[in-house]
Amino acid sequence: MPKIYDISIPIAPGHMPVWPGDPEPVLERFLKMEDGHDANVSRLAACVHLGTHVDAPYHFLAAGATVETLPLDALTGLAYVVDLTALEGHITAAALEAADLPADAGRVLFKTRNSRWWAQGDTAFHTDFVALTADAAEYLVARGVRLVGVDYLSVAPYDDPVPTHRILLGAGVVAIETLDLSAVPAGAYTLYCLPLKLVGSEGAPARAILVQP
């Protein structure tokens, strides 16, 4: 049997990091069987960039495509988990050159020291997370990468979010953010990542898994 890794973080209001300024998620039952209703029914209120999620070009590009139009063949298929846990600082083009990405790496998920927070159950928001610099984004675009995944809430540095996002999204690269790669060894997998089909939205929560051959 192939091994399946669930690389999505749990949606647990009050027990998950939320980007500063985003609304805190709410998940609550408004119909309760203990109150005499026939079924339990809950409502969810949250930013679309909740937990593990996908960014569409419209997130940083005024005329960009919205999430329901993203090609599903970009979100499913062969993906490589690249272990950069020993890297100090952000992921730069030089760091990617040294990582020697596989020639056929069309989908790349970066495991960094961010993953220790998921392993520790740390639910605080950290600003010093590892992310991709603008030149790293340009490097990936030049290599023809179609999808990039990162193990924290943003593909771009906290203090400089615009350039990396615009380079990737402007080139049609799908970004998956807030992946839990803490238990996933480096290597090749089959990725399945399906964002909610939210019409007109710049992003959507997703359930993402990796299947080991």
N, C-alpha and C. Protein backbone atom coordinates (compact mmCIF):
# COMPACT_ATOMS: atom_id res chain seq x y z
N MET A 1 0.85 -1.20 0.00
CA MET A 1 0.00 0.00 0.00
C MET A 1 0.88 1.25 0.00
N PRO A 2 0.59 2.21 -0.88
CA PRO A 2 1.37 3.46 -0.87
C PRO A 2 1.11 4.25 0.41
N LYS A 3 2.13 4.94 0.87
CA LYS A 3 1.98 5.77 2.07
C LYS A 3 1.40 7.12 1.68
N ILE A 4 0.43 7.58 2.45
CA ILE A 4 -0.21 8.87 2.19
C ILE A 4 0.15 9.83 3.32
N TYR A 5 0.64 10.99 2.96
CA TYR A 5 0.94 12.05 3.93
C TYR A 5 -0.11 13.15 3.79
N ASP A 6 -0.80 13.44 4.87
CA ASP A 6 -1.71 14.58 4.89
C ASP A 6 -0.86 15.80 5.24
N ILE A 7 -0.69 16.71 4.30
CA ILE A 7 0.19 17.87 4.53
C ILE A 7 -0.61 19.16 4.75
N SER A 8 -1.89 18.99 5.09
CA SER A 8 -2.74 20.13 5.44
C SER A 8 -2.72 20.34 6.95
N ILE A 9 -2.77 21.59 7.37
CA ILE A 9 -2.85 21.83 8.81
C ILE A 9 -4.32 21.78 9.26
N PRO A 10 -4.57 21.42 10.51
CA PRO A 10 -5.96 21.37 10.98
C PRO A 10 -6.58 22.76 11.05
N ILE A 11 -7.86 22.84 10.70
CA ILE A 11 -8.62 24.08 10.87
C ILE A 11 -9.22 24.04 12.27
N ALA A 12 -8.60 24.76 13.18
CA ALA A 12 -9.01 24.73 14.58
C ALA A 12 -8.96 26.15 15.13
N PRO A 13 -10.06 26.90 15.04
CA PRO A 13 -10.06 28.28 15.52
C PRO A 13 -9.51 28.40 16.93
N GLY A 14 -8.60 29.37 17.10
CA GLY A 14 -7.97 29.57 18.39
C GLY A 14 -6.76 28.69 18.60
N HIS A 15 -6.51 27.77 17.68
CA HIS A 15 -5.39 26.85 17.82
C HIS A 15 -4.63 26.72 16.51
N MET A 16 -4.51 27.82 15.80
CA MET A 16 -3.78 27.83 14.53
C MET A 16 -3.29 29.25 14.28
N PRO A 17 -2.15 29.39 13.59
CA PRO A 17 -1.67 30.74 13.31
C PRO A 17 -2.53 31.43 12.26
N VAL A 18 -2.73 32.72 12.45
CA VAL A 18 -3.51 33.54 11.52
C VAL A 18 -2.67 34.75 11.16
N TRP A 19 -2.66 35.08 9.87
CA TRP A 19 -1.88 36.24 9.41
C TRP A 19 -2.39 37.50 10.11
N PRO A 20 -1.46 38.34 10.63
CA PRO A 20 -1.89 39.57 11.31
C PRO A 20 -2.81 40.43 10.43
N GLY A 21 -3.93 40.82 11.00
CA GLY A 21 -4.90 41.62 10.28
C GLY A 21 -6.02 40.82 9.65
N ASP A 22 -5.80 39.51 9.45
CA ASP A 22 -6.88 38.67 8.94
C ASP A 22 -7.86 38.37 10.06
N PRO A 23 -9.14 38.17 9.73
CA PRO A 23 -10.10 37.84 10.78
C PRO A 23 -9.83 36.46 11.37
N GLU A 24 -10.06 36.33 12.63
CA GLU A 24 -9.94 35.01 13.26
C GLU A 24 -11.05 34.11 12.73
N PRO A 25 -10.73 32.87 12.39
CA PRO A 25 -11.77 31.97 11.89
C PRO A 25 -12.79 31.63 12.97
N VAL A 26 -14.00 31.39 12.53
CA VAL A 26 -15.08 30.98 13.43
C VAL A 26 -15.69 29.69 12.88
N LEU A 27 -15.76 28.68 13.71
CA LEU A 27 -16.42 27.43 13.35
C LEU A 27 -17.33 27.06 14.51
N GLU A 28 -18.64 27.14 14.28
CA GLU A 28 -19.56 26.91 15.38
C GLU A 28 -20.85 26.25 14.89
N ARG A 29 -21.43 25.45 15.75
CA ARG A 29 -22.72 24.84 15.43
C ARG A 29 -23.84 25.84 15.73
N PHE A 30 -24.74 26.01 14.78
CA PHE A 30 -25.90 26.85 15.05
C PHE A 30 -27.18 26.01 15.18
N LEU A 31 -27.13 24.75 14.77
CA LEU A 31 -28.17 23.79 15.09
C LEU A 31 -27.53 22.63 15.85
N LYS A 32 -28.13 22.28 16.99
CA LYS A 32 -27.53 21.28 17.85
C LYS A 32 -28.54 20.18 18.19
N MET A 33 -28.11 18.94 18.05
CA MET A 33 -28.99 17.83 18.36
C MET A 33 -29.38 17.82 19.83
N GLU A 34 -28.46 18.28 20.69
CA GLU A 34 -28.79 18.30 22.12
C GLU A 34 -29.85 19.34 22.45
N ASP A 35 -30.09 20.27 21.50
CA ASP A 35 -31.16 21.26 21.67
C ASP A 35 -32.46 20.83 21.00
N GLY A 36 -32.47 19.60 20.50
CA GLY A 36 -33.70 19.08 19.91
C GLY A 36 -33.75 19.08 18.41
N HIS A 37 -32.72 19.55 17.74
CA HIS A 37 -32.70 19.54 16.28
C HIS A 37 -32.40 18.13 15.76
N ASP A 38 -32.79 17.88 14.54
CA ASP A 38 -32.58 16.56 13.94
C ASP A 38 -31.14 16.31 13.54
N ALA A 39 -30.37 17.37 13.39
CA ALA A 39 -28.99 17.23 12.94
C ALA A 39 -28.15 18.35 13.52
N ASN A 40 -26.84 18.13 13.54
CA ASN A 40 -25.90 19.20 13.86
C ASN A 40 -25.53 19.92 12.57
N VAL A 41 -25.57 21.26 12.61
CA VAL A 41 -25.20 22.06 11.44
C VAL A 41 -24.32 23.21 11.92
N SER A 42 -23.17 23.39 11.24
CA SER A 42 -22.21 24.40 11.65
C SER A 42 -22.02 25.44 10.57
N ARG A 43 -21.49 26.58 10.97
CA ARG A 43 -21.11 27.61 10.01
C ARG A 43 -19.63 27.90 10.16
N LEU A 44 -19.02 28.28 9.05
CA LEU A 44 -17.60 28.65 9.02
C LEU A 44 -17.49 30.07 8.49
N ALA A 45 -16.77 30.92 9.21
CA ALA A 45 -16.48 32.28 8.76
C ALA A 45 -14.98 32.49 8.86
N ALA A 46 -14.35 32.85 7.75
CA ALA A 46 -12.89 32.97 7.77
C ALA A 46 -12.40 33.69 6.54
N CYS A 47 -11.17 34.14 6.59
CA CYS A 47 -10.45 34.61 5.42
C CYS A 47 -10.24 33.43 4.47
N VAL A 48 -10.24 33.68 3.16
CA VAL A 48 -10.04 32.57 2.23
C VAL A 48 -8.61 32.03 2.29
N HIS A 49 -7.69 32.80 2.88
CA HIS A 49 -6.31 32.33 3.05
C HIS A 49 -6.18 31.64 4.41
N LEU A 50 -7.07 30.70 4.63
CA LEU A 50 -7.18 30.01 5.91
C LEU A 50 -6.40 28.71 5.87
N GLY A 51 -5.51 28.53 6.84
CA GLY A 51 -4.78 27.26 6.93
C GLY A 51 -4.06 26.96 5.63
N THR A 52 -4.03 25.69 5.26
CA THR A 52 -3.44 25.30 3.98
C THR A 52 -4.33 25.84 2.87
N HIS A 53 -3.75 26.62 1.98
CA HIS A 53 -4.56 27.28 0.96
C HIS A 53 -3.77 27.54 -0.31
N VAL A 54 -4.49 27.87 -1.35
CA VAL A 54 -3.91 28.15 -2.66
C VAL A 54 -4.10 29.62 -2.99
N ASP A 55 -3.05 30.25 -3.50
CA ASP A 55 -3.15 31.62 -4.00
C ASP A 55 -3.37 31.59 -5.50
N ALA A 56 -4.31 32.39 -5.97
CA ALA A 56 -4.52 32.59 -7.40
C ALA A 56 -3.91 33.93 -7.80
N PRO A 57 -3.63 34.14 -9.08
CA PRO A 57 -3.01 35.41 -9.52
C PRO A 57 -3.74 36.67 -9.05
N TYR A 58 -5.07 36.60 -8.95
CA TYR A 58 -5.85 37.77 -8.54
C TYR A 58 -5.47 38.28 -7.15
N HIS A 59 -4.78 37.47 -6.37
CA HIS A 59 -4.36 37.87 -5.03
C HIS A 59 -3.45 39.11 -5.09
N PHE A 60 -2.57 39.17 -6.09
CA PHE A 60 -1.64 40.30 -6.20
C PHE A 60 -1.67 40.98 -7.56
N LEU A 61 -2.53 40.51 -8.46
CA LEU A 61 -2.62 41.08 -9.80
C LEU A 61 -4.06 41.47 -10.07
N ALA A 62 -4.32 42.74 -10.32
CA ALA A 62 -5.69 43.25 -10.44
C ALA A 62 -6.47 42.57 -11.55
N ALA A 63 -5.79 42.15 -12.61
CA ALA A 63 -6.47 41.49 -13.72
C ALA A 63 -6.16 39.99 -13.75
N GLY A 64 -5.69 39.47 -12.63
CA GLY A 64 -5.27 38.07 -12.59
C GLY A 64 -6.44 37.10 -12.52
N ALA A 65 -6.15 35.84 -12.83
CA ALA A 65 -7.15 34.78 -12.79
C ALA A 65 -7.56 34.49 -11.34
N THR A 66 -8.80 34.08 -11.17
CA THR A 66 -9.30 33.74 -9.85
C THR A 66 -9.22 32.24 -9.62
N VAL A 67 -9.44 31.84 -8.38
CA VAL A 67 -9.04 30.49 -7.97
C VAL A 67 -9.82 29.39 -8.66
N GLU A 68 -11.07 29.63 -9.03
CA GLU A 68 -11.85 28.56 -9.64
C GLU A 68 -11.38 28.24 -11.06
N THR A 69 -10.53 29.10 -11.62
CA THR A 69 -10.04 28.88 -12.98
C THR A 69 -8.66 28.22 -13.03
N LEU A 70 -8.05 27.98 -11.88
CA LEU A 70 -6.72 27.39 -11.88
C LEU A 70 -6.76 25.99 -12.50
N PRO A 71 -5.76 25.65 -13.30
CA PRO A 71 -5.75 24.34 -13.95
C PRO A 71 -5.50 23.21 -12.95
N LEU A 72 -6.38 22.24 -12.95
CA LEU A 72 -6.25 21.13 -12.00
C LEU A 72 -5.02 20.28 -12.29
N ASP A 73 -4.55 20.30 -13.54
CA ASP A 73 -3.36 19.50 -13.84
C ASP A 73 -2.10 20.12 -13.24
N ALA A 74 -2.17 21.39 -12.86
CA ALA A 74 -1.04 21.99 -12.14
C ALA A 74 -1.06 21.58 -10.67
N LEU A 75 -2.26 21.33 -10.15
CA LEU A 75 -2.44 21.04 -8.72
C LEU A 75 -2.34 19.55 -8.39
N THR A 76 -2.20 18.72 -9.41
CA THR A 76 -2.07 17.28 -9.19
C THR A 76 -0.96 16.74 -10.06
N GLY A 77 -0.21 15.77 -9.51
CA GLY A 77 0.84 15.14 -10.30
C GLY A 77 2.15 15.05 -9.54
N LEU A 78 3.20 14.70 -10.27
CA LEU A 78 4.52 14.51 -9.67
C LEU A 78 5.00 15.79 -9.00
N ALA A 79 5.43 15.65 -7.75
CA ALA A 79 5.96 16.79 -7.00
C ALA A 79 7.17 16.34 -6.20
N TYR A 80 8.10 17.25 -6.01
CA TYR A 80 9.31 16.96 -5.24
C TYR A 80 9.30 17.76 -3.94
N VAL A 81 9.54 17.06 -2.84
CA VAL A 81 9.78 17.72 -1.56
C VAL A 81 11.29 17.94 -1.45
N VAL A 82 11.69 19.19 -1.32
CA VAL A 82 13.10 19.55 -1.24
C VAL A 82 13.41 19.96 0.19
N ASP A 83 14.37 19.28 0.81
CA ASP A 83 14.71 19.53 2.21
C ASP A 83 15.74 20.65 2.31
N LEU A 84 15.31 21.79 2.81
CA LEU A 84 16.19 22.94 3.04
C LEU A 84 16.22 23.31 4.52
N THR A 85 16.03 22.30 5.37
CA THR A 85 15.95 22.57 6.81
C THR A 85 17.26 23.10 7.39
N ALA A 86 18.36 22.85 6.71
CA ALA A 86 19.65 23.34 7.20
C ALA A 86 19.93 24.77 6.75
N LEU A 87 19.07 25.31 5.91
CA LEU A 87 19.29 26.64 5.36
C LEU A 87 19.02 27.72 6.40
N GLU A 88 19.96 28.63 6.54
CA GLU A 88 19.76 29.81 7.40
C GLU A 88 19.34 30.97 6.50
N GLY A 89 18.31 31.67 6.90
CA GLY A 89 17.83 32.78 6.08
C GLY A 89 16.85 32.31 5.03
N HIS A 90 16.50 33.21 4.12
CA HIS A 90 15.49 32.92 3.12
C HIS A 90 16.03 32.05 1.99
N ILE A 91 15.11 31.53 1.20
CA ILE A 91 15.47 30.72 0.03
C ILE A 91 15.77 31.68 -1.12
N THR A 92 17.01 31.71 -1.54
CA THR A 92 17.45 32.58 -2.63
C THR A 92 17.71 31.74 -3.87
N ALA A 93 17.98 32.42 -4.98
CA ALA A 93 18.34 31.72 -6.21
C ALA A 93 19.60 30.90 -6.00
N ALA A 94 20.55 31.43 -5.25
CA ALA A 94 21.80 30.70 -4.99
C ALA A 94 21.52 29.43 -4.19
N ALA A 95 20.60 29.52 -3.23
CA ALA A 95 20.25 28.34 -2.44
C ALA A 95 19.58 27.27 -3.31
N LEU A 96 18.76 27.71 -4.26
CA LEU A 96 18.10 26.76 -5.16
C LEU A 96 19.10 26.13 -6.11
N GLU A 97 20.05 26.92 -6.58
CA GLU A 97 21.10 26.38 -7.45
C GLU A 97 21.89 25.30 -6.71
N ALA A 98 22.19 25.57 -5.44
CA ALA A 98 22.94 24.59 -4.64
C ALA A 98 22.12 23.36 -4.32
N ALA A 99 20.78 23.52 -4.28
CA ALA A 99 19.90 22.38 -3.95
C ALA A 99 19.81 21.39 -5.09
N ASP A 100 20.22 21.78 -6.29
CA ASP A 100 20.26 20.88 -7.45
C ASP A 100 18.89 20.21 -7.67
N LEU A 101 17.90 21.03 -7.97
CA LEU A 101 16.55 20.52 -8.18
C LEU A 101 16.53 19.54 -9.36
N PRO A 102 15.70 18.50 -9.27
CA PRO A 102 15.58 17.58 -10.40
C PRO A 102 15.17 18.31 -11.68
N ALA A 103 15.65 17.84 -12.80
CA ALA A 103 15.40 18.50 -14.07
C ALA A 103 13.92 18.56 -14.41
N ASP A 104 13.16 17.55 -13.94
CA ASP A 104 11.72 17.51 -14.26
C ASP A 104 10.85 18.05 -13.13
N ALA A 105 11.44 18.88 -12.28
CA ALA A 105 10.71 19.40 -11.11
C ALA A 105 9.74 20.49 -11.54
N GLY A 106 8.53 20.09 -11.94
CA GLY A 106 7.51 21.06 -12.29
C GLY A 106 6.69 21.52 -11.10
N ARG A 107 6.71 20.73 -10.04
CA ARG A 107 6.03 21.07 -8.79
C ARG A 107 7.03 20.84 -7.66
N VAL A 108 7.27 21.87 -6.87
CA VAL A 108 8.30 21.80 -5.82
C VAL A 108 7.71 22.28 -4.51
N LEU A 109 7.89 21.47 -3.46
CA LEU A 109 7.45 21.83 -2.12
C LEU A 109 8.69 21.96 -1.24
N PHE A 110 8.83 23.09 -0.59
CA PHE A 110 10.04 23.37 0.18
C PHE A 110 9.83 23.11 1.67
N LYS A 111 10.61 22.18 2.18
CA LYS A 111 10.61 21.88 3.61
C LYS A 111 11.77 22.63 4.25
N THR A 112 11.46 23.54 5.15
CA THR A 112 12.47 24.39 5.77
C THR A 112 12.40 24.25 7.29
N ARG A 113 13.16 25.10 7.96
CA ARG A 113 13.11 25.06 9.42
C ARG A 113 11.75 25.53 9.95
N ASN A 114 10.91 26.10 9.09
CA ASN A 114 9.54 26.42 9.51
C ASN A 114 8.81 25.17 10.01
N SER A 115 9.12 24.03 9.42
CA SER A 115 8.38 22.80 9.73
C SER A 115 8.50 22.39 11.19
N ARG A 116 9.52 22.90 11.86
CA ARG A 116 9.65 22.54 13.29
C ARG A 116 8.47 23.06 14.09
N TRP A 117 7.89 24.18 13.66
CA TRP A 117 6.75 24.74 14.40
C TRP A 117 5.55 23.81 14.32
N TRP A 118 5.31 23.21 13.13
CA TRP A 118 4.20 22.25 13.02
C TRP A 118 4.48 21.02 13.87
N ALA A 119 5.71 20.55 13.86
CA ALA A 119 6.07 19.36 14.64
C ALA A 119 5.89 19.60 16.13
N GLN A 120 6.12 20.84 16.56
CA GLN A 120 6.01 21.19 17.98
C GLN A 120 4.59 21.58 18.39
N GLY A 121 3.69 21.68 17.43
CA GLY A 121 2.33 22.13 17.74
C GLY A 121 2.27 23.60 18.09
N ASP A 122 3.21 24.38 17.58
CA ASP A 122 3.28 25.81 17.87
C ASP A 122 2.21 26.54 17.05
N THR A 123 1.27 27.18 17.71
CA THR A 123 0.17 27.85 17.02
C THR A 123 0.32 29.37 16.97
N ALA A 124 1.43 29.89 17.49
CA ALA A 124 1.67 31.34 17.41
C ALA A 124 2.08 31.73 16.00
N PHE A 125 1.85 32.99 15.64
CA PHE A 125 2.32 33.47 14.35
C PHE A 125 3.74 33.98 14.50
N HIS A 126 4.61 33.55 13.60
CA HIS A 126 6.01 33.97 13.62
C HIS A 126 6.30 34.82 12.38
N THR A 127 7.01 35.92 12.57
CA THR A 127 7.36 36.78 11.44
C THR A 127 8.69 36.38 10.80
N ASP A 128 9.49 35.56 11.49
CA ASP A 128 10.83 35.22 10.99
C ASP A 128 10.83 33.90 10.22
N PHE A 129 9.74 33.60 9.54
CA PHE A 129 9.66 32.36 8.78
C PHE A 129 10.52 32.44 7.52
N VAL A 130 10.92 31.27 7.05
CA VAL A 130 11.71 31.17 5.82
C VAL A 130 10.76 31.25 4.62
N ALA A 131 11.14 32.02 3.60
CA ALA A 131 10.31 32.19 2.41
C ALA A 131 11.21 32.38 1.20
N LEU A 132 10.58 32.55 0.05
CA LEU A 132 11.31 32.71 -1.21
C LEU A 132 11.56 34.19 -1.49
N THR A 133 12.81 34.52 -1.82
CA THR A 133 13.12 35.88 -2.24
C THR A 133 12.69 36.08 -3.69
N ALA A 134 12.71 37.32 -4.15
CA ALA A 134 12.31 37.62 -5.52
C ALA A 134 13.20 36.91 -6.53
N ASP A 135 14.52 36.85 -6.27
CA ASP A 135 15.38 36.19 -7.25
C ASP A 135 15.17 34.68 -7.26
N ALA A 136 14.74 34.12 -6.13
CA ALA A 136 14.39 32.70 -6.11
C ALA A 136 13.13 32.46 -6.94
N ALA A 137 12.18 33.35 -6.85
CA ALA A 137 10.97 33.24 -7.66
C ALA A 137 11.31 33.31 -9.15
N GLU A 138 12.18 34.23 -9.52
CA GLU A 138 12.60 34.35 -10.92
C GLU A 138 13.31 33.08 -11.38
N TYR A 139 14.10 32.50 -10.52
CA TYR A 139 14.82 31.26 -10.85
C TYR A 139 13.83 30.13 -11.14
N LEU A 140 12.81 30.01 -10.31
CA LEU A 140 11.82 28.94 -10.49
C LEU A 140 11.00 29.16 -11.76
N VAL A 141 10.64 30.39 -12.03
CA VAL A 141 9.90 30.70 -13.26
C VAL A 141 10.74 30.34 -14.48
N ALA A 142 12.03 30.69 -14.45
CA ALA A 142 12.92 30.40 -15.58
C ALA A 142 13.08 28.91 -15.81
N ARG A 143 12.94 28.12 -14.75
CA ARG A 143 13.05 26.67 -14.88
C ARG A 143 11.75 26.01 -15.34
N GLY A 144 10.69 26.80 -15.44
CA GLY A 144 9.42 26.25 -15.88
C GLY A 144 8.61 25.58 -14.80
N VAL A 145 8.88 25.90 -13.54
CA VAL A 145 8.11 25.33 -12.43
C VAL A 145 6.67 25.85 -12.50
N ARG A 146 5.70 24.96 -12.30
CA ARG A 146 4.28 25.31 -12.41
C ARG A 146 3.63 25.52 -11.04
N LEU A 147 4.21 24.93 -10.00
CA LEU A 147 3.60 24.99 -8.66
C LEU A 147 4.70 25.02 -7.61
N VAL A 148 4.51 25.89 -6.63
CA VAL A 148 5.45 26.01 -5.51
C VAL A 148 4.66 25.89 -4.21
N GLY A 149 5.15 25.08 -3.29
CA GLY A 149 4.53 24.96 -1.98
C GLY A 149 5.52 25.29 -0.89
N VAL A 150 5.04 25.94 0.16
CA VAL A 150 5.90 26.32 1.28
C VAL A 150 5.27 25.89 2.60
N ASP A 151 6.13 25.76 3.61
CA ASP A 151 5.69 25.23 4.89
C ASP A 151 5.38 26.31 5.93
N TYR A 152 4.95 27.47 5.45
CA TYR A 152 4.42 28.48 6.37
C TYR A 152 3.39 29.32 5.63
N LEU A 153 2.92 30.39 6.25
CA LEU A 153 1.73 31.08 5.77
C LEU A 153 1.92 31.91 4.51
N SER A 154 3.16 32.14 4.10
CA SER A 154 3.38 32.93 2.90
C SER A 154 4.58 32.41 2.13
N VAL A 155 4.45 32.45 0.80
CA VAL A 155 5.56 32.08 -0.07
C VAL A 155 6.62 33.17 -0.09
N ALA A 156 6.27 34.36 0.38
CA ALA A 156 7.16 35.52 0.35
C ALA A 156 7.53 35.94 1.77
N PRO A 157 8.66 36.63 1.93
CA PRO A 157 9.05 37.09 3.27
C PRO A 157 8.01 38.01 3.90
N TYR A 158 7.92 37.97 5.20
CA TYR A 158 6.92 38.76 5.93
C TYR A 158 7.06 40.25 5.65
N ASP A 159 8.31 40.75 5.59
CA ASP A 159 8.51 42.19 5.44
C ASP A 159 8.62 42.65 3.98
N ASP A 160 8.44 41.72 3.04
CA ASP A 160 8.54 42.09 1.63
C ASP A 160 7.69 41.13 0.79
N PRO A 161 6.37 41.16 0.96
CA PRO A 161 5.52 40.12 0.36
C PRO A 161 5.22 40.30 -1.12
N VAL A 162 5.35 41.52 -1.66
CA VAL A 162 4.82 41.78 -3.00
C VAL A 162 5.67 41.19 -4.13
N PRO A 163 7.00 41.43 -4.19
CA PRO A 163 7.74 40.98 -5.38
C PRO A 163 7.66 39.48 -5.65
N THR A 164 7.87 38.66 -4.65
CA THR A 164 7.83 37.22 -4.85
C THR A 164 6.48 36.76 -5.35
N HIS A 165 5.42 37.24 -4.72
CA HIS A 165 4.08 36.87 -5.15
C HIS A 165 3.83 37.29 -6.61
N ARG A 166 4.17 38.50 -6.95
CA ARG A 166 3.87 39.00 -8.30
C ARG A 166 4.67 38.27 -9.37
N ILE A 167 5.90 37.91 -9.05
CA ILE A 167 6.71 37.17 -10.02
C ILE A 167 6.11 35.79 -10.27
N LEU A 168 5.80 35.08 -9.20
CA LEU A 168 5.25 33.73 -9.35
C LEU A 168 3.86 33.76 -9.97
N LEU A 169 2.97 34.52 -9.38
CA LEU A 169 1.59 34.53 -9.84
C LEU A 169 1.48 35.14 -11.24
N GLY A 170 2.31 36.12 -11.54
CA GLY A 170 2.30 36.73 -12.86
C GLY A 170 2.74 35.77 -13.95
N ALA A 171 3.54 34.77 -13.57
CA ALA A 171 4.00 33.76 -14.54
C ALA A 171 3.08 32.55 -14.56
N GLY A 172 1.98 32.61 -13.80
CA GLY A 172 1.05 31.49 -13.77
C GLY A 172 1.46 30.36 -12.85
N VAL A 173 2.41 30.61 -11.96
CA VAL A 173 2.83 29.58 -11.01
C VAL A 173 1.83 29.54 -9.86
N VAL A 174 1.30 28.37 -9.57
CA VAL A 174 0.36 28.21 -8.46
C VAL A 174 1.15 28.16 -7.15
N ALA A 175 0.69 28.87 -6.14
CA ALA A 175 1.35 28.88 -4.83
C ALA A 175 0.45 28.20 -3.80
N ILE A 176 1.01 27.19 -3.13
CA ILE A 176 0.32 26.56 -2.00
C ILE A 176 1.05 27.00 -0.74
N GLU A 177 0.31 27.54 0.21
CA GLU A 177 0.92 28.04 1.44
C GLU A 177 0.36 27.30 2.65
N THR A 178 1.19 27.30 3.71
CA THR A 178 0.84 26.69 4.99
C THR A 178 0.73 25.17 4.88
N LEU A 179 1.75 24.55 4.32
CA LEU A 179 1.83 23.10 4.27
C LEU A 179 2.57 22.58 5.49
N ASP A 180 2.12 21.45 6.00
CA ASP A 180 2.83 20.77 7.08
C ASP A 180 3.67 19.65 6.48
N LEU A 181 4.95 19.93 6.31
CA LEU A 181 5.87 18.94 5.74
C LEU A 181 6.77 18.33 6.79
N SER A 182 6.44 18.53 8.05
CA SER A 182 7.33 18.13 9.14
C SER A 182 7.63 16.63 9.16
N ALA A 183 6.68 15.80 8.71
CA ALA A 183 6.87 14.34 8.76
C ALA A 183 7.20 13.76 7.39
N VAL A 184 7.43 14.62 6.41
CA VAL A 184 7.61 14.14 5.04
C VAL A 184 9.09 14.15 4.66
N PRO A 185 9.67 13.00 4.33
CA PRO A 185 11.06 12.98 3.86
C PRO A 185 11.18 13.61 2.47
N ALA A 186 12.36 14.09 2.17
CA ALA A 186 12.61 14.61 0.83
C ALA A 186 12.42 13.50 -0.20
N GLY A 187 11.98 13.90 -1.39
CA GLY A 187 11.81 12.91 -2.44
C GLY A 187 10.66 13.21 -3.36
N ALA A 188 10.34 12.23 -4.21
CA ALA A 188 9.28 12.38 -5.21
C ALA A 188 7.98 11.76 -4.72
N TYR A 189 6.88 12.46 -4.98
CA TYR A 189 5.55 12.04 -4.55
C TYR A 189 4.54 12.41 -5.64
N THR A 190 3.33 11.88 -5.48
CA THR A 190 2.21 12.39 -6.26
C THR A 190 1.42 13.34 -5.36
N LEU A 191 1.26 14.56 -5.83
CA LEU A 191 0.55 15.59 -5.07
C LEU A 191 -0.90 15.66 -5.53
N TYR A 192 -1.80 15.77 -4.55
CA TYR A 192 -3.20 16.09 -4.82
C TYR A 192 -3.55 17.27 -3.94
N CYS A 193 -3.88 18.39 -4.57
CA CYS A 193 -4.23 19.60 -3.82
C CYS A 193 -5.44 20.24 -4.51
N LEU A 194 -6.59 20.21 -3.85
CA LEU A 194 -7.81 20.71 -4.45
C LEU A 194 -8.40 21.85 -3.61
N PRO A 195 -8.24 23.08 -4.09
CA PRO A 195 -8.83 24.22 -3.39
C PRO A 195 -10.34 24.25 -3.60
N LEU A 196 -11.05 24.84 -2.65
CA LEU A 196 -12.48 25.03 -2.81
C LEU A 196 -12.74 25.87 -4.06
N LYS A 197 -13.82 25.57 -4.75
CA LYS A 197 -14.15 26.25 -6.01
C LYS A 197 -14.93 27.53 -5.70
N LEU A 198 -14.22 28.52 -5.17
CA LEU A 198 -14.82 29.79 -4.78
C LEU A 198 -14.76 30.76 -5.96
N VAL A 199 -15.89 31.00 -6.58
CA VAL A 199 -15.94 31.79 -7.81
C VAL A 199 -15.58 33.25 -7.53
N GLY A 200 -14.59 33.75 -8.27
CA GLY A 200 -14.19 35.15 -8.15
C GLY A 200 -13.22 35.44 -7.02
N SER A 201 -12.75 34.42 -6.34
CA SER A 201 -11.87 34.62 -5.18
C SER A 201 -10.40 34.57 -5.57
N GLU A 202 -9.59 35.30 -4.80
CA GLU A 202 -8.14 35.32 -5.04
C GLU A 202 -7.41 34.15 -4.37
N GLY A 203 -8.14 33.34 -3.64
CA GLY A 203 -7.54 32.19 -2.98
C GLY A 203 -8.61 31.31 -2.39
N ALA A 204 -8.19 30.16 -1.88
CA ALA A 204 -9.16 29.24 -1.28
C ALA A 204 -8.45 28.22 -0.41
N PRO A 205 -9.07 27.84 0.70
CA PRO A 205 -8.53 26.73 1.51
C PRO A 205 -8.50 25.45 0.68
N ALA A 206 -7.57 24.56 1.03
CA ALA A 206 -7.41 23.33 0.27
C ALA A 206 -7.03 22.18 1.21
N ARG A 207 -7.36 20.97 0.76
CA ARG A 207 -6.84 19.76 1.41
C ARG A 207 -5.75 19.23 0.48
N ALA A 208 -4.57 19.06 1.01
CA ALA A 208 -3.43 18.61 0.21
C ALA A 208 -2.85 17.33 0.80
N ILE A 209 -2.56 16.38 -0.07
CA ILE A 209 -1.91 15.14 0.35
C ILE A 209 -0.78 14.80 -0.61
N LEU A 210 0.17 14.04 -0.11
CA LEU A 210 1.24 13.48 -0.92
C LEU A 210 1.14 11.96 -0.84
N VAL A 211 1.25 11.31 -1.97
CA VAL A 211 1.22 9.85 -2.02
C VAL A 211 2.60 9.38 -2.46
N GLN A 212 3.18 8.54 -1.62
CA GLN A 212 4.51 8.01 -1.93
C GLN A 212 4.38 6.80 -2.85
N PRO A 213 5.15 6.77 -3.92
CA PRO A 213 5.07 5.64 -4.85
C PRO A 213 5.38 4.31 -4.15
